[in-house]
Amino acid sequence: MDGSGELDSLKRAESQRQVLLCLVEHNESMSSREIAKELGLTVNAVNIALFNLYNKGLVDRISRGIYKYKIGPILSVLLTDHLER
């Protein structure tokens, strides 16, 4: 699988897209509470988005409630471009 299906599904899942881009932009591990505060979303909405992103292999769970995006720095530029089209 080339991952394009996961990327295309993010275009349709706004909260997942926002959460992933937040992690990419901060380039560090963040808690669901930090992400929720940054994006103006509920913690529950962020947790659901993180769960789905984790299942798609796009984020890693560092510890309980702490996540980091899973792609490398070079791919983050491509991902941002792809999602903003």
N, C-alpha and C. Protein backbone atom coordinates (compact mmCIF):
# COMPACT_ATOMS: atom_id res chain seq x y z
N MET A 1 0.85 -1.18 0.00
CA MET A 1 0.00 0.00 0.00
C MET A 1 0.89 1.24 0.00
N ASP A 2 0.54 2.24 -0.79
CA ASP A 2 1.39 3.42 -0.92
C ASP A 2 1.00 4.55 0.03
N GLY A 3 -0.07 4.41 0.78
CA GLY A 3 -0.48 5.43 1.74
C GLY A 3 -1.39 6.50 1.17
N SER A 4 -1.59 6.52 -0.16
CA SER A 4 -2.42 7.58 -0.74
C SER A 4 -3.87 7.47 -0.29
N GLY A 5 -4.35 6.27 -0.02
CA GLY A 5 -5.70 6.10 0.48
C GLY A 5 -5.89 6.76 1.83
N GLU A 6 -4.90 6.59 2.71
CA GLU A 6 -4.97 7.23 4.02
C GLU A 6 -4.94 8.75 3.90
N LEU A 7 -4.09 9.25 2.99
CA LEU A 7 -4.01 10.70 2.80
C LEU A 7 -5.31 11.24 2.22
N ASP A 8 -5.89 10.54 1.26
CA ASP A 8 -7.15 10.99 0.67
C ASP A 8 -8.27 10.98 1.71
N SER A 9 -8.27 9.99 2.60
CA SER A 9 -9.31 9.95 3.62
C SER A 9 -9.18 11.11 4.59
N LEU A 10 -7.97 11.63 4.77
CA LEU A 10 -7.78 12.79 5.65
C LEU A 10 -8.40 14.05 5.07
N LYS A 11 -8.48 14.12 3.76
CA LYS A 11 -9.13 15.28 3.14
C LYS A 11 -10.60 15.33 3.54
N ARG A 12 -11.19 14.17 3.79
CA ARG A 12 -12.60 14.11 4.14
C ARG A 12 -12.83 14.13 5.64
N ALA A 13 -11.79 13.98 6.42
CA ALA A 13 -11.90 13.95 7.88
C ALA A 13 -11.22 15.19 8.46
N GLU A 14 -11.96 16.25 8.56
CA GLU A 14 -11.41 17.55 8.93
C GLU A 14 -10.68 17.53 10.27
N SER A 15 -11.26 16.93 11.30
CA SER A 15 -10.60 16.95 12.60
C SER A 15 -9.30 16.15 12.57
N GLN A 16 -9.29 15.03 11.86
CA GLN A 16 -8.06 14.25 11.74
C GLN A 16 -6.99 15.06 11.02
N ARG A 17 -7.38 15.73 9.97
CA ARG A 17 -6.44 16.56 9.20
C ARG A 17 -5.87 17.67 10.08
N GLN A 18 -6.74 18.34 10.83
CA GLN A 18 -6.30 19.43 11.71
C GLN A 18 -5.33 18.92 12.77
N VAL A 19 -5.66 17.78 13.37
CA VAL A 19 -4.81 17.22 14.43
C VAL A 19 -3.45 16.83 13.87
N LEU A 20 -3.44 16.15 12.73
CA LEU A 20 -2.17 15.73 12.15
C LEU A 20 -1.32 16.95 11.77
N LEU A 21 -1.93 17.94 11.15
CA LEU A 21 -1.17 19.14 10.77
C LEU A 21 -0.66 19.88 12.01
N CYS A 22 -1.41 19.88 13.09
CA CYS A 22 -0.96 20.50 14.33
C CYS A 22 0.30 19.79 14.84
N LEU A 23 0.28 18.46 14.83
CA LEU A 23 1.46 17.70 15.27
C LEU A 23 2.65 17.95 14.36
N VAL A 24 2.39 18.00 13.06
CA VAL A 24 3.47 18.24 12.09
C VAL A 24 4.06 19.63 12.31
N GLU A 25 3.21 20.63 12.46
CA GLU A 25 3.68 22.00 12.62
C GLU A 25 4.47 22.20 13.91
N HIS A 26 4.06 21.54 14.99
CA HIS A 26 4.77 21.68 16.26
C HIS A 26 6.04 20.82 16.30
N ASN A 27 6.06 19.76 15.50
CA ASN A 27 7.23 18.88 15.40
C ASN A 27 7.71 18.38 16.75
N GLU A 28 6.77 18.10 17.63
CA GLU A 28 7.09 17.52 18.93
C GLU A 28 5.87 16.76 19.44
N SER A 29 6.11 15.91 20.41
CA SER A 29 5.01 15.17 21.02
C SER A 29 4.07 16.14 21.72
N MET A 30 2.78 15.86 21.62
CA MET A 30 1.78 16.71 22.25
C MET A 30 0.71 15.85 22.89
N SER A 31 0.11 16.37 23.94
CA SER A 31 -1.01 15.67 24.58
C SER A 31 -2.30 16.03 23.85
N SER A 32 -3.30 15.20 24.04
CA SER A 32 -4.59 15.50 23.42
C SER A 32 -5.16 16.81 23.96
N ARG A 33 -4.89 17.13 25.21
CA ARG A 33 -5.35 18.40 25.78
C ARG A 33 -4.67 19.60 25.11
N GLU A 34 -3.37 19.48 24.88
CA GLU A 34 -2.64 20.55 24.21
C GLU A 34 -3.16 20.78 22.80
N ILE A 35 -3.39 19.67 22.10
CA ILE A 35 -3.90 19.77 20.73
C ILE A 35 -5.29 20.39 20.72
N ALA A 36 -6.15 19.95 21.65
CA ALA A 36 -7.51 20.48 21.73
C ALA A 36 -7.49 21.98 21.98
N LYS A 37 -6.63 22.42 22.90
CA LYS A 37 -6.53 23.85 23.20
C LYS A 37 -6.03 24.63 21.98
N GLU A 38 -5.04 24.09 21.31
CA GLU A 38 -4.46 24.75 20.12
C GLU A 38 -5.49 24.90 19.01
N LEU A 39 -6.32 23.87 18.82
CA LEU A 39 -7.25 23.86 17.69
C LEU A 39 -8.66 24.34 18.03
N GLY A 40 -8.95 24.50 19.31
CA GLY A 40 -10.30 24.89 19.70
C GLY A 40 -11.31 23.76 19.54
N LEU A 41 -10.83 22.53 19.71
CA LEU A 41 -11.69 21.35 19.63
C LEU A 41 -11.85 20.76 21.03
N THR A 42 -12.82 19.89 21.19
CA THR A 42 -12.96 19.19 22.46
C THR A 42 -11.88 18.12 22.57
N VAL A 43 -11.53 17.76 23.79
CA VAL A 43 -10.55 16.70 24.01
C VAL A 43 -11.08 15.40 23.42
N ASN A 44 -12.38 15.16 23.55
CA ASN A 44 -12.97 13.94 23.00
C ASN A 44 -12.81 13.88 21.48
N ALA A 45 -13.05 14.99 20.80
CA ALA A 45 -12.89 15.03 19.33
C ALA A 45 -11.45 14.76 18.95
N VAL A 46 -10.52 15.33 19.70
CA VAL A 46 -9.09 15.11 19.43
C VAL A 46 -8.72 13.65 19.69
N ASN A 47 -9.23 13.07 20.77
CA ASN A 47 -8.94 11.66 21.06
C ASN A 47 -9.45 10.73 19.97
N ILE A 48 -10.62 11.02 19.45
CA ILE A 48 -11.17 10.21 18.36
C ILE A 48 -10.30 10.36 17.11
N ALA A 49 -9.90 11.59 16.80
CA ALA A 49 -9.04 11.83 15.65
C ALA A 49 -7.70 11.11 15.83
N LEU A 50 -7.12 11.20 17.02
CA LEU A 50 -5.84 10.53 17.28
C LEU A 50 -5.97 9.02 17.15
N PHE A 51 -7.07 8.46 17.64
CA PHE A 51 -7.31 7.03 17.53
C PHE A 51 -7.32 6.61 16.06
N ASN A 52 -8.03 7.37 15.24
CA ASN A 52 -8.10 7.05 13.81
C ASN A 52 -6.76 7.25 13.12
N LEU A 53 -6.04 8.31 13.47
CA LEU A 53 -4.72 8.54 12.89
C LEU A 53 -3.74 7.44 13.29
N TYR A 54 -3.84 6.98 14.53
CA TYR A 54 -2.99 5.88 15.01
C TYR A 54 -3.28 4.61 14.22
N ASN A 55 -4.56 4.33 14.01
CA ASN A 55 -4.95 3.14 13.25
C ASN A 55 -4.51 3.21 11.79
N LYS A 56 -4.37 4.41 11.26
CA LYS A 56 -3.90 4.60 9.89
C LYS A 56 -2.37 4.59 9.81
N GLY A 57 -1.71 4.55 10.97
CA GLY A 57 -0.25 4.52 11.00
C GLY A 57 0.39 5.88 10.80
N LEU A 58 -0.36 6.95 11.06
CA LEU A 58 0.16 8.30 10.82
C LEU A 58 0.68 8.98 12.08
N VAL A 59 0.34 8.45 13.25
CA VAL A 59 0.88 8.97 14.50
C VAL A 59 1.35 7.81 15.37
N ASP A 60 2.29 8.11 16.24
CA ASP A 60 2.76 7.15 17.24
C ASP A 60 2.28 7.60 18.60
N ARG A 61 1.92 6.63 19.42
CA ARG A 61 1.57 6.93 20.81
C ARG A 61 2.85 6.83 21.62
N ILE A 62 3.31 7.94 22.15
CA ILE A 62 4.55 8.00 22.92
C ILE A 62 4.31 7.48 24.33
N SER A 63 3.24 7.93 24.94
CA SER A 63 2.80 7.44 26.24
C SER A 63 1.31 7.73 26.32
N ARG A 64 0.70 7.43 27.43
CA ARG A 64 -0.75 7.61 27.53
C ARG A 64 -1.14 9.06 27.27
N GLY A 65 -1.90 9.27 26.19
CA GLY A 65 -2.39 10.59 25.85
C GLY A 65 -1.39 11.50 25.16
N ILE A 66 -0.19 10.99 24.86
CA ILE A 66 0.84 11.79 24.20
C ILE A 66 1.15 11.18 22.84
N TYR A 67 1.08 11.99 21.81
CA TYR A 67 1.26 11.51 20.44
C TYR A 67 2.26 12.36 19.68
N LYS A 68 2.83 11.77 18.64
CA LYS A 68 3.74 12.46 17.73
C LYS A 68 3.46 11.92 16.33
N TYR A 69 3.56 12.78 15.34
CA TYR A 69 3.34 12.30 13.98
C TYR A 69 4.44 11.32 13.62
N LYS A 70 4.13 10.40 12.73
CA LYS A 70 5.02 9.28 12.45
C LYS A 70 5.87 9.47 11.20
N ILE A 71 5.57 10.45 10.40
CA ILE A 71 6.30 10.63 9.15
C ILE A 71 7.53 11.48 9.36
N GLY A 72 8.51 11.33 8.49
CA GLY A 72 9.74 12.10 8.60
C GLY A 72 9.57 13.54 8.17
N PRO A 73 10.54 14.38 8.48
CA PRO A 73 10.46 15.81 8.16
C PRO A 73 10.27 16.11 6.68
N ILE A 74 10.90 15.34 5.81
CA ILE A 74 10.76 15.60 4.38
C ILE A 74 9.33 15.30 3.93
N LEU A 75 8.78 14.20 4.43
CA LEU A 75 7.42 13.84 4.04
C LEU A 75 6.38 14.79 4.61
N SER A 76 6.69 15.47 5.71
CA SER A 76 5.72 16.40 6.29
C SER A 76 5.39 17.53 5.32
N VAL A 77 6.37 17.97 4.55
CA VAL A 77 6.13 19.01 3.55
C VAL A 77 5.19 18.49 2.47
N LEU A 78 5.44 17.26 2.02
CA LEU A 78 4.58 16.67 1.00
C LEU A 78 3.17 16.46 1.52
N LEU A 79 3.05 16.03 2.76
CA LEU A 79 1.74 15.81 3.36
C LEU A 79 0.97 17.13 3.46
N THR A 80 1.63 18.16 3.94
CA THR A 80 0.98 19.46 4.06
C THR A 80 0.47 19.93 2.70
N ASP A 81 1.30 19.80 1.69
CA ASP A 81 0.91 20.19 0.34
C ASP A 81 -0.28 19.37 -0.14
N HIS A 82 -0.25 18.07 0.09
CA HIS A 82 -1.31 17.18 -0.37
C HIS A 82 -2.64 17.53 0.31
N LEU A 83 -2.62 17.80 1.59
CA LEU A 83 -3.85 18.06 2.32
C LEU A 83 -4.43 19.44 2.04
N GLU A 84 -3.59 20.36 1.62
CA GLU A 84 -4.08 21.71 1.36
C GLU A 84 -4.60 21.89 -0.05
N ARG A 85 -4.43 20.88 -0.91
CA ARG A 85 -4.94 20.98 -2.28
C ARG A 85 -6.43 20.84 -2.31
